[in-house]
Amino acid sequence: NAVDYYEKKMLDEAVKASLSTNNNKVKPLIVVKPSKEQHKNEEEDEDAGLDQFIEQRDRLYRQAMETRGNNMQGAASYYAAQARELNSHIKASQKQSQMDLFLQANKDNPTTKLDLHYLHTADAIKQLQQFISQRESMARTSSSGPKSVEVVTGKGTRSENGKSRLRPAVQNWLEQKNYSYTEVNCGCFRVVLKNDK
């Protein structure tokens, strides 16, 4: 069935990725959670912990493939389930880290500017939608409310192939919602808020 097919495909990809590291010897993995007093280098600790979870997930995927090859389907399913659980934890941690970076980037911004750096496209669109909705509400309730906002998407220089995914997604969303906008520069839009009084 389709679930088995995609599970096998994911396992195969994980095995290929793990074998490309040329580590044939499995090392024991010790995960130490930093205490509350250790605030120095918190981000580095988080990255190291996340790297350990990623290594552990890849090791579990390798074990699942090895046991599947030995016709030990029950063990393979167990290892694959454990790897999927770790993968969910990894994705949740990455999403939280991205949201923390996003909030930090916008902390000192004026109320009419939204910086979408650090967010994946879907999360960025949700934040944009919420931001514009709030600013339009402010504009309706106050005659001195904002008439336009700036939306920073970035140029995409850190994206794969150096092409932004976020910028065209934001542009498409603005066009779908019939917003007028101008390009401040290649990484920022000025969006005219709708005045539906």
N, C-alpha and C. Protein backbone atom coordinates (compact mmCIF):
# COMPACT_ATOMS: atom_id res chain seq x y z
N ASN A 1 0.83 -1.18 0.00
CA ASN A 1 0.00 0.00 0.00
C ASN A 1 0.88 1.24 0.00
N ALA A 2 0.26 2.41 -0.11
CA ALA A 2 0.99 3.67 -0.26
C ALA A 2 1.83 4.00 0.97
N VAL A 3 1.31 3.72 2.16
CA VAL A 3 2.05 4.02 3.39
C VAL A 3 3.36 3.23 3.42
N ASP A 4 3.27 1.93 3.11
CA ASP A 4 4.47 1.10 3.09
C ASP A 4 5.47 1.59 2.04
N TYR A 5 4.95 1.98 0.88
CA TYR A 5 5.82 2.47 -0.18
C TYR A 5 6.61 3.69 0.27
N TYR A 6 5.88 4.70 0.82
CA TYR A 6 6.55 5.94 1.22
C TYR A 6 7.45 5.72 2.44
N GLU A 7 7.03 4.81 3.33
CA GLU A 7 7.88 4.50 4.48
C GLU A 7 9.18 3.86 4.02
N LYS A 8 9.08 2.93 3.08
CA LYS A 8 10.28 2.29 2.54
C LYS A 8 11.15 3.31 1.82
N LYS A 9 10.51 4.22 1.07
CA LYS A 9 11.26 5.26 0.36
C LYS A 9 12.02 6.15 1.34
N MET A 10 11.38 6.54 2.44
CA MET A 10 12.03 7.37 3.45
C MET A 10 13.19 6.60 4.10
N LEU A 11 12.96 5.34 4.37
CA LEU A 11 14.01 4.52 4.98
C LEU A 11 15.21 4.40 4.04
N ASP A 12 14.92 4.17 2.77
CA ASP A 12 16.01 4.06 1.79
C ASP A 12 16.82 5.35 1.72
N GLU A 13 16.14 6.49 1.71
CA GLU A 13 16.83 7.78 1.66
C GLU A 13 17.66 8.01 2.91
N ALA A 14 17.10 7.64 4.06
CA ALA A 14 17.83 7.83 5.32
C ALA A 14 19.07 6.94 5.37
N VAL A 15 18.93 5.73 4.86
CA VAL A 15 20.08 4.82 4.84
C VAL A 15 21.16 5.36 3.92
N LYS A 16 20.78 5.82 2.74
CA LYS A 16 21.76 6.39 1.81
C LYS A 16 22.49 7.57 2.45
N ALA A 17 21.72 8.44 3.12
CA ALA A 17 22.33 9.61 3.76
C ALA A 17 23.27 9.19 4.88
N SER A 18 22.88 8.20 5.64
CA SER A 18 23.72 7.78 6.76
C SER A 18 24.95 7.02 6.29
N LEU A 19 24.83 6.29 5.19
CA LEU A 19 25.99 5.55 4.70
C LEU A 19 27.00 6.47 4.04
N SER A 20 26.54 7.62 3.58
CA SER A 20 27.47 8.54 2.92
C SER A 20 28.42 9.21 3.91
N THR A 21 28.17 9.05 5.21
CA THR A 21 29.06 9.65 6.22
C THR A 21 30.27 8.77 6.49
N ASN A 22 30.30 7.57 5.92
CA ASN A 22 31.41 6.63 6.07
C ASN A 22 31.66 6.23 7.51
N ASN A 23 30.64 6.25 8.34
CA ASN A 23 30.75 5.77 9.71
C ASN A 23 30.11 4.39 9.79
N ASN A 24 30.91 3.36 9.73
CA ASN A 24 30.38 2.01 9.80
C ASN A 24 30.17 1.58 11.24
N LYS A 25 30.90 2.18 12.17
CA LYS A 25 30.81 1.82 13.57
C LYS A 25 29.75 2.70 14.23
N VAL A 26 28.78 2.06 14.88
CA VAL A 26 27.73 2.80 15.57
C VAL A 26 28.25 3.19 16.95
N LYS A 27 28.22 4.48 17.21
CA LYS A 27 28.69 4.98 18.49
C LYS A 27 27.50 5.17 19.42
N PRO A 28 27.69 4.91 20.72
CA PRO A 28 26.57 5.15 21.64
C PRO A 28 26.26 6.64 21.69
N LEU A 29 25.00 6.96 21.82
CA LEU A 29 24.55 8.34 21.81
C LEU A 29 24.08 8.72 23.20
N ILE A 30 24.70 9.74 23.76
CA ILE A 30 24.33 10.21 25.09
C ILE A 30 23.76 11.61 24.93
N VAL A 31 22.53 11.80 25.37
CA VAL A 31 21.88 13.09 25.27
C VAL A 31 21.80 13.67 26.67
N VAL A 32 22.40 14.85 26.84
CA VAL A 32 22.39 15.52 28.12
C VAL A 32 21.61 16.82 27.98
N LYS A 33 20.59 16.97 28.80
CA LYS A 33 19.79 18.18 28.75
C LYS A 33 20.43 19.24 29.64
N PRO A 34 20.68 20.44 29.10
CA PRO A 34 21.32 21.48 29.91
C PRO A 34 20.41 21.92 31.06
N SER A 35 21.02 22.25 32.19
CA SER A 35 20.26 22.72 33.35
C SER A 35 19.81 24.15 33.12
N LYS A 36 18.93 24.62 33.98
CA LYS A 36 18.39 25.98 33.84
C LYS A 36 19.47 27.03 34.06
N GLU A 37 20.50 26.71 34.84
CA GLU A 37 21.55 27.68 35.13
C GLU A 37 22.48 27.91 33.94
N GLN A 38 22.48 27.02 32.99
CA GLN A 38 23.40 27.11 31.86
C GLN A 38 22.78 27.91 30.72
N HIS A 39 22.67 29.21 30.91
CA HIS A 39 22.10 30.06 29.87
C HIS A 39 23.14 30.50 28.85
N LYS A 40 24.41 30.39 29.19
CA LYS A 40 25.47 30.79 28.26
C LYS A 40 25.52 29.79 27.11
N ASN A 41 25.58 30.29 25.92
CA ASN A 41 25.64 29.48 24.69
C ASN A 41 24.41 28.58 24.55
N GLU A 42 23.24 29.11 24.89
CA GLU A 42 22.02 28.32 24.83
C GLU A 42 21.71 27.83 23.42
N GLU A 43 21.90 28.71 22.44
CA GLU A 43 21.59 28.32 21.06
C GLU A 43 22.52 27.22 20.58
N GLU A 44 23.79 27.31 20.94
CA GLU A 44 24.74 26.26 20.55
C GLU A 44 24.36 24.93 21.18
N ASP A 45 23.94 24.97 22.43
CA ASP A 45 23.51 23.75 23.10
C ASP A 45 22.30 23.14 22.40
N GLU A 46 21.34 24.02 22.01
CA GLU A 46 20.16 23.53 21.31
C GLU A 46 20.54 22.88 19.98
N ASP A 47 21.44 23.53 19.23
CA ASP A 47 21.87 22.98 17.96
C ASP A 47 22.57 21.64 18.15
N ALA A 48 23.41 21.53 19.18
CA ALA A 48 24.11 20.28 19.45
C ALA A 48 23.12 19.19 19.82
N GLY A 49 22.12 19.54 20.65
CA GLY A 49 21.10 18.56 21.04
C GLY A 49 20.29 18.12 19.84
N LEU A 50 19.96 19.06 18.99
CA LEU A 50 19.20 18.74 17.78
C LEU A 50 20.03 17.85 16.86
N ASP A 51 21.31 18.15 16.73
CA ASP A 51 22.19 17.30 15.91
C ASP A 51 22.23 15.88 16.46
N GLN A 52 22.22 15.75 17.77
CA GLN A 52 22.23 14.41 18.37
C GLN A 52 20.93 13.67 18.05
N PHE A 53 19.82 14.39 18.12
CA PHE A 53 18.54 13.75 17.77
C PHE A 53 18.53 13.33 16.31
N ILE A 54 19.10 14.15 15.45
CA ILE A 54 19.16 13.82 14.02
C ILE A 54 20.02 12.58 13.80
N GLU A 55 21.16 12.52 14.47
CA GLU A 55 22.02 11.34 14.36
C GLU A 55 21.31 10.09 14.86
N GLN A 56 20.60 10.24 15.98
CA GLN A 56 19.87 9.10 16.54
C GLN A 56 18.77 8.65 15.59
N ARG A 57 18.05 9.61 14.98
CA ARG A 57 17.01 9.27 14.01
C ARG A 57 17.58 8.51 12.82
N ASP A 58 18.71 9.03 12.28
CA ASP A 58 19.34 8.36 11.14
C ASP A 58 19.81 6.97 11.50
N ARG A 59 20.32 6.80 12.73
CA ARG A 59 20.76 5.47 13.19
C ARG A 59 19.56 4.52 13.26
N LEU A 60 18.43 5.01 13.75
CA LEU A 60 17.23 4.18 13.82
C LEU A 60 16.74 3.80 12.43
N TYR A 61 16.79 4.73 11.49
CA TYR A 61 16.41 4.40 10.12
C TYR A 61 17.35 3.34 9.54
N ARG A 62 18.64 3.45 9.82
CA ARG A 62 19.59 2.44 9.36
C ARG A 62 19.26 1.07 9.95
N GLN A 63 18.98 1.05 11.24
CA GLN A 63 18.64 -0.22 11.89
C GLN A 63 17.36 -0.81 11.29
N ALA A 64 16.41 0.04 10.98
CA ALA A 64 15.17 -0.44 10.37
C ALA A 64 15.45 -1.09 9.02
N MET A 65 16.31 -0.47 8.23
CA MET A 65 16.65 -1.05 6.92
C MET A 65 17.41 -2.36 7.07
N GLU A 66 18.35 -2.40 8.02
CA GLU A 66 19.12 -3.62 8.23
C GLU A 66 18.23 -4.77 8.67
N THR A 67 17.30 -4.49 9.59
CA THR A 67 16.42 -5.57 10.06
C THR A 67 15.39 -5.95 9.01
N ARG A 68 14.98 -5.00 8.19
CA ARG A 68 14.05 -5.32 7.10
C ARG A 68 14.72 -6.27 6.12
N GLY A 69 16.01 -6.02 5.85
CA GLY A 69 16.76 -6.89 4.95
C GLY A 69 16.94 -8.29 5.51
N ASN A 70 16.91 -8.44 6.82
CA ASN A 70 17.05 -9.75 7.47
C ASN A 70 15.69 -10.38 7.75
N ASN A 71 14.65 -9.88 7.10
CA ASN A 71 13.29 -10.38 7.25
C ASN A 71 12.81 -10.35 8.69
N MET A 72 13.17 -9.31 9.39
CA MET A 72 12.71 -9.10 10.76
C MET A 72 11.76 -7.90 10.75
N GLN A 73 10.61 -8.10 10.13
CA GLN A 73 9.68 -7.01 9.86
C GLN A 73 9.21 -6.31 11.14
N GLY A 74 8.98 -7.04 12.20
CA GLY A 74 8.53 -6.45 13.46
C GLY A 74 9.55 -5.47 14.01
N ALA A 75 10.81 -5.88 14.01
CA ALA A 75 11.88 -5.01 14.50
C ALA A 75 12.03 -3.80 13.58
N ALA A 76 11.93 -4.03 12.28
CA ALA A 76 12.05 -2.92 11.33
C ALA A 76 10.95 -1.90 11.57
N SER A 77 9.74 -2.37 11.80
CA SER A 77 8.62 -1.46 12.07
C SER A 77 8.84 -0.68 13.36
N TYR A 78 9.39 -1.35 14.37
CA TYR A 78 9.67 -0.69 15.65
C TYR A 78 10.69 0.44 15.45
N TYR A 79 11.80 0.12 14.78
CA TYR A 79 12.84 1.13 14.57
C TYR A 79 12.32 2.29 13.73
N ALA A 80 11.52 1.97 12.71
CA ALA A 80 10.97 3.02 11.85
C ALA A 80 10.02 3.92 12.65
N ALA A 81 9.22 3.33 13.52
CA ALA A 81 8.29 4.12 14.35
C ALA A 81 9.07 5.02 15.30
N GLN A 82 10.14 4.50 15.88
CA GLN A 82 10.97 5.30 16.78
C GLN A 82 11.61 6.47 16.01
N ALA A 83 12.07 6.19 14.80
CA ALA A 83 12.69 7.23 13.98
C ALA A 83 11.68 8.30 13.60
N ARG A 84 10.45 7.89 13.28
CA ARG A 84 9.41 8.87 12.95
C ARG A 84 9.06 9.73 14.16
N GLU A 85 9.04 9.13 15.32
CA GLU A 85 8.76 9.89 16.54
C GLU A 85 9.85 10.94 16.79
N LEU A 86 11.10 10.53 16.62
CA LEU A 86 12.21 11.48 16.76
C LEU A 86 12.12 12.57 15.70
N ASN A 87 11.74 12.19 14.50
CA ASN A 87 11.61 13.17 13.41
C ASN A 87 10.55 14.21 13.75
N SER A 88 9.46 13.80 14.36
CA SER A 88 8.43 14.75 14.77
C SER A 88 8.98 15.72 15.81
N HIS A 89 9.76 15.19 16.75
CA HIS A 89 10.37 16.03 17.78
C HIS A 89 11.35 17.03 17.14
N ILE A 90 12.13 16.56 16.20
CA ILE A 90 13.11 17.41 15.51
C ILE A 90 12.40 18.55 14.79
N LYS A 91 11.35 18.21 14.04
CA LYS A 91 10.62 19.23 13.29
C LYS A 91 9.97 20.25 14.21
N ALA A 92 9.41 19.78 15.33
CA ALA A 92 8.80 20.70 16.29
C ALA A 92 9.85 21.64 16.89
N SER A 93 11.02 21.11 17.20
CA SER A 93 12.10 21.92 17.76
C SER A 93 12.58 22.95 16.74
N GLN A 94 12.72 22.53 15.50
CA GLN A 94 13.16 23.46 14.46
C GLN A 94 12.13 24.55 14.24
N LYS A 95 10.85 24.19 14.25
CA LYS A 95 9.80 25.18 14.05
C LYS A 95 9.79 26.18 15.21
N GLN A 96 9.97 25.70 16.43
CA GLN A 96 10.00 26.60 17.58
C GLN A 96 11.20 27.54 17.51
N SER A 97 12.35 27.02 17.11
CA SER A 97 13.55 27.85 16.97
C SER A 97 13.33 28.93 15.91
N GLN A 98 12.71 28.55 14.80
CA GLN A 98 12.44 29.52 13.74
C GLN A 98 11.48 30.60 14.22
N MET A 99 10.47 30.21 14.99
CA MET A 99 9.51 31.18 15.49
C MET A 99 10.19 32.13 16.49
N ASP A 100 11.08 31.60 17.32
CA ASP A 100 11.82 32.44 18.27
C ASP A 100 12.68 33.46 17.53
N LEU A 101 13.36 33.02 16.47
CA LEU A 101 14.18 33.93 15.67
C LEU A 101 13.32 34.99 14.99
N PHE A 102 12.17 34.57 14.48
CA PHE A 102 11.23 35.50 13.84
C PHE A 102 10.76 36.56 14.83
N LEU A 103 10.37 36.14 16.03
CA LEU A 103 9.91 37.09 17.04
C LEU A 103 11.02 38.05 17.45
N GLN A 104 12.23 37.52 17.58
CA GLN A 104 13.38 38.36 17.93
C GLN A 104 13.66 39.39 16.83
N ALA A 105 13.55 38.97 15.58
CA ALA A 105 13.81 39.87 14.46
C ALA A 105 12.78 41.00 14.39
N ASN A 106 11.57 40.75 14.86
CA ASN A 106 10.50 41.75 14.77
C ASN A 106 10.29 42.54 16.06
N LYS A 107 11.04 42.20 17.08
CA LYS A 107 10.85 42.81 18.40
C LYS A 107 11.01 44.33 18.36
N ASP A 108 12.02 44.82 17.67
CA ASP A 108 12.31 46.25 17.66
C ASP A 108 11.81 46.96 16.40
N ASN A 109 11.07 46.25 15.56
CA ASN A 109 10.55 46.86 14.33
C ASN A 109 9.42 47.83 14.65
N PRO A 110 9.23 48.84 13.81
CA PRO A 110 8.04 49.69 13.97
C PRO A 110 6.78 48.85 13.74
N THR A 111 5.65 49.34 14.20
CA THR A 111 4.41 48.57 14.09
C THR A 111 3.93 48.40 12.66
N THR A 112 4.54 49.10 11.73
CA THR A 112 4.13 49.00 10.33
C THR A 112 5.12 48.18 9.50
N LYS A 113 5.97 47.41 10.16
CA LYS A 113 6.96 46.62 9.43
C LYS A 113 6.96 45.18 9.94
N LEU A 114 6.94 44.24 9.01
CA LEU A 114 6.98 42.81 9.34
C LEU A 114 8.15 42.17 8.60
N ASP A 115 9.04 41.55 9.34
CA ASP A 115 10.19 40.85 8.77
C ASP A 115 9.90 39.36 8.81
N LEU A 116 9.77 38.74 7.65
CA LEU A 116 9.40 37.33 7.55
C LEU A 116 10.60 36.38 7.50
N HIS A 117 11.80 36.92 7.71
CA HIS A 117 12.98 36.06 7.75
C HIS A 117 12.77 34.93 8.76
N TYR A 118 13.42 33.81 8.54
CA TYR A 118 13.46 32.65 9.44
C TYR A 118 12.23 31.75 9.35
N LEU A 119 11.19 32.18 8.66
CA LEU A 119 9.97 31.36 8.60
C LEU A 119 9.89 30.58 7.29
N HIS A 120 9.28 29.40 7.37
CA HIS A 120 8.94 28.66 6.16
C HIS A 120 7.77 29.38 5.49
N THR A 121 7.56 29.10 4.25
CA THR A 121 6.57 29.82 3.46
C THR A 121 5.17 29.79 4.09
N ALA A 122 4.69 28.62 4.48
CA ALA A 122 3.33 28.52 5.03
C ALA A 122 3.20 29.34 6.31
N ASP A 123 4.19 29.26 7.19
CA ASP A 123 4.15 30.03 8.43
C ASP A 123 4.25 31.52 8.14
N ALA A 124 5.05 31.89 7.16
CA ALA A 124 5.20 33.30 6.80
C ALA A 124 3.88 33.88 6.29
N ILE A 125 3.18 33.12 5.47
CA ILE A 125 1.90 33.60 4.94
C ILE A 125 0.89 33.76 6.07
N LYS A 126 0.87 32.84 7.01
CA LYS A 126 -0.04 32.97 8.16
C LYS A 126 0.28 34.23 8.96
N GLN A 127 1.56 34.47 9.21
CA GLN A 127 1.96 35.66 9.95
C GLN A 127 1.61 36.93 9.17
N LEU A 128 1.83 36.91 7.87
CA LEU A 128 1.51 38.06 7.02
C LEU A 128 0.02 38.36 7.06
N GLN A 129 -0.79 37.32 6.93
CA GLN A 129 -2.23 37.48 6.94
C GLN A 129 -2.69 38.08 8.27
N GLN A 130 -2.16 37.58 9.36
CA GLN A 130 -2.52 38.07 10.68
C GLN A 130 -2.06 39.53 10.86
N PHE A 131 -0.84 39.82 10.43
CA PHE A 131 -0.28 41.16 10.56
C PHE A 131 -1.11 42.18 9.79
N ILE A 132 -1.40 41.89 8.53
CA ILE A 132 -2.17 42.83 7.69
C ILE A 132 -3.58 43.01 8.25
N SER A 133 -4.18 41.93 8.70
CA SER A 133 -5.52 42.00 9.28
C SER A 133 -5.53 42.92 10.51
N GLN A 134 -4.53 42.79 11.37
CA GLN A 134 -4.44 43.64 12.55
C GLN A 134 -4.23 45.10 12.17
N ARG A 135 -3.37 45.35 11.21
CA ARG A 135 -3.09 46.73 10.81
C ARG A 135 -4.29 47.36 10.12
N GLU A 136 -5.04 46.59 9.35
CA GLU A 136 -6.25 47.12 8.73
C GLU A 136 -7.29 47.45 9.79
N SER A 137 -7.37 46.63 10.80
CA SER A 137 -8.28 46.89 11.91
C SER A 137 -7.90 48.18 12.63
N MET A 138 -6.59 48.38 12.85
CA MET A 138 -6.11 49.62 13.47
C MET A 138 -6.46 50.82 12.59
N ALA A 139 -6.31 50.69 11.29
CA ALA A 139 -6.57 51.78 10.36
C ALA A 139 -8.06 52.14 10.35
N ARG A 140 -8.93 51.14 10.49
CA ARG A 140 -10.38 51.40 10.49
C ARG A 140 -10.83 52.11 11.76
N THR A 141 -10.21 51.77 12.88
CA THR A 141 -10.64 52.34 14.16
C THR A 141 -10.02 53.69 14.47
N SER A 142 -8.97 54.05 13.76
CA SER A 142 -8.30 55.32 14.03
C SER A 142 -8.02 56.04 12.72
N SER A 143 -8.33 57.31 12.71
CA SER A 143 -8.07 58.08 11.49
C SER A 143 -6.57 58.26 11.26
N SER A 144 -5.78 58.14 12.32
CA SER A 144 -4.32 58.28 12.18
C SER A 144 -3.64 56.91 12.05
N GLY A 145 -4.43 55.88 11.80
CA GLY A 145 -3.87 54.53 11.65
C GLY A 145 -3.01 54.42 10.40
N PRO A 146 -2.26 53.35 10.30
CA PRO A 146 -1.36 53.18 9.15
C PRO A 146 -2.12 53.02 7.84
N LYS A 147 -1.56 53.59 6.78
CA LYS A 147 -2.15 53.47 5.44
C LYS A 147 -1.43 52.39 4.63
N SER A 148 -0.18 52.10 5.04
CA SER A 148 0.59 51.06 4.35
C SER A 148 1.54 50.41 5.36
N VAL A 149 2.04 49.24 4.98
CA VAL A 149 3.00 48.51 5.82
C VAL A 149 4.13 48.01 4.94
N GLU A 150 5.27 47.74 5.57
CA GLU A 150 6.39 47.14 4.85
C GLU A 150 6.48 45.67 5.24
N VAL A 151 6.70 44.85 4.24
CA VAL A 151 6.84 43.41 4.45
C VAL A 151 8.20 42.99 3.89
N VAL A 152 9.07 42.55 4.78
CA VAL A 152 10.41 42.14 4.39
C VAL A 152 10.42 40.64 4.14
N THR A 153 10.79 40.26 2.94
CA THR A 153 10.89 38.84 2.59
C THR A 153 12.34 38.39 2.49
N GLY A 154 13.24 39.31 2.27
CA GLY A 154 14.63 38.97 2.03
C GLY A 154 14.82 38.66 0.56
N LYS A 155 16.07 38.56 0.18
CA LYS A 155 16.40 38.32 -1.23
C LYS A 155 16.48 36.84 -1.57
N GLY A 156 16.60 36.01 -0.56
CA GLY A 156 16.71 34.57 -0.80
C GLY A 156 18.12 34.09 -1.00
N THR A 157 19.11 34.89 -0.61
CA THR A 157 20.51 34.50 -0.85
C THR A 157 20.91 33.28 -0.04
N ARG A 158 20.21 33.01 1.07
CA ARG A 158 20.54 31.83 1.87
C ARG A 158 19.66 30.63 1.52
N SER A 159 18.76 30.81 0.58
CA SER A 159 17.89 29.72 0.15
C SER A 159 18.64 28.79 -0.78
N GLU A 160 18.04 27.62 -1.01
CA GLU A 160 18.62 26.68 -1.96
C GLU A 160 18.69 27.35 -3.33
N ASN A 161 19.78 27.17 -4.00
CA ASN A 161 20.02 27.74 -5.34
C ASN A 161 20.00 29.26 -5.35
N GLY A 162 20.02 29.89 -4.16
CA GLY A 162 20.03 31.35 -4.09
C GLY A 162 18.74 32.00 -4.57
N LYS A 163 17.66 31.24 -4.68
CA LYS A 163 16.37 31.77 -5.13
C LYS A 163 15.39 31.72 -3.97
N SER A 164 14.76 32.85 -3.73
CA SER A 164 13.80 32.95 -2.64
C SER A 164 12.53 32.18 -2.96
N ARG A 165 12.04 31.44 -1.99
CA ARG A 165 10.72 30.82 -2.12
C ARG A 165 9.66 31.73 -1.49
N LEU A 166 10.12 32.48 -0.49
CA LEU A 166 9.21 33.31 0.28
C LEU A 166 8.70 34.51 -0.52
N ARG A 167 9.59 35.17 -1.21
CA ARG A 167 9.22 36.39 -1.94
C ARG A 167 8.11 36.14 -2.96
N PRO A 168 8.25 35.12 -3.84
CA PRO A 168 7.15 34.89 -4.79
C PRO A 168 5.86 34.44 -4.11
N ALA A 169 5.97 33.72 -3.00
CA ALA A 169 4.77 33.28 -2.29
C ALA A 169 4.03 34.48 -1.71
N VAL A 170 4.77 35.41 -1.12
CA VAL A 170 4.16 36.62 -0.57
C VAL A 170 3.54 37.45 -1.70
N GLN A 171 4.26 37.59 -2.79
CA GLN A 171 3.76 38.35 -3.94
C GLN A 171 2.46 37.72 -4.47
N ASN A 172 2.44 36.40 -4.59
CA ASN A 172 1.23 35.71 -5.06
C ASN A 172 0.06 35.93 -4.11
N TRP A 173 0.34 35.85 -2.80
CA TRP A 173 -0.71 36.04 -1.80
C TRP A 173 -1.29 37.45 -1.91
N LEU A 174 -0.41 38.44 -2.03
CA LEU A 174 -0.86 39.83 -2.14
C LEU A 174 -1.73 40.01 -3.39
N GLU A 175 -1.34 39.41 -4.49
CA GLU A 175 -2.10 39.52 -5.73
C GLU A 175 -3.44 38.80 -5.62
N GLN A 176 -3.45 37.62 -5.00
CA GLN A 176 -4.70 36.87 -4.82
C GLN A 176 -5.69 37.64 -3.96
N LYS A 177 -5.18 38.35 -2.98
CA LYS A 177 -6.04 39.11 -2.06
C LYS A 177 -6.29 40.54 -2.55
N ASN A 178 -5.83 40.85 -3.76
CA ASN A 178 -6.04 42.16 -4.40
C ASN A 178 -5.46 43.32 -3.61
N TYR A 179 -4.28 43.14 -3.08
CA TYR A 179 -3.58 44.24 -2.40
C TYR A 179 -2.71 44.97 -3.41
N SER A 180 -2.69 46.29 -3.28
CA SER A 180 -1.76 47.09 -4.07
C SER A 180 -0.45 47.12 -3.31
N TYR A 181 0.65 46.98 -4.05
CA TYR A 181 1.95 46.99 -3.39
C TYR A 181 3.00 47.51 -4.36
N THR A 182 4.07 48.00 -3.78
CA THR A 182 5.22 48.42 -4.57
C THR A 182 6.45 47.75 -3.99
N GLU A 183 7.47 47.69 -4.80
CA GLU A 183 8.72 47.07 -4.37
C GLU A 183 9.64 48.15 -3.81
N VAL A 184 9.93 48.08 -2.51
CA VAL A 184 10.85 49.02 -1.89
C VAL A 184 12.26 48.72 -2.37
N ASN A 185 12.60 47.44 -2.32
CA ASN A 185 13.84 46.91 -2.89
C ASN A 185 13.59 45.44 -3.20
N CYS A 186 14.60 44.72 -3.63
CA CYS A 186 14.35 43.34 -4.06
C CYS A 186 14.05 42.39 -2.89
N GLY A 187 14.04 42.88 -1.65
CA GLY A 187 13.71 42.04 -0.51
C GLY A 187 12.61 42.61 0.36
N CYS A 188 11.87 43.60 -0.15
CA CYS A 188 10.87 44.27 0.68
C CYS A 188 9.74 44.84 -0.19
N PHE A 189 8.50 44.69 0.31
CA PHE A 189 7.33 45.26 -0.35
C PHE A 189 6.69 46.31 0.55
N ARG A 190 6.12 47.34 -0.04
CA ARG A 190 5.26 48.27 0.69
C ARG A 190 3.83 47.94 0.23
N VAL A 191 3.00 47.56 1.19
CA VAL A 191 1.65 47.11 0.89
C VAL A 191 0.66 48.18 1.36
N VAL A 192 -0.22 48.59 0.45
CA VAL A 192 -1.27 49.56 0.77
C VAL A 192 -2.41 48.80 1.42
N LEU A 193 -2.77 49.23 2.62
CA LEU A 193 -3.84 48.56 3.35
C LEU A 193 -5.20 48.91 2.74
N LYS A 194 -6.13 47.96 2.82
CA LYS A 194 -7.49 48.20 2.31
C LYS A 194 -8.23 49.00 3.36
N ASN A 195 -9.02 49.96 2.89
CA ASN A 195 -9.78 50.82 3.78
C ASN A 195 -11.27 50.52 3.58
N ASP A 196 -11.76 49.46 4.21
CA ASP A 196 -13.16 49.05 4.04
C ASP A 196 -13.98 49.53 5.22
N LYS A 197 -14.27 50.82 5.26
CA LYS A 197 -15.06 51.37 6.37
C LYS A 197 -16.53 51.21 6.10
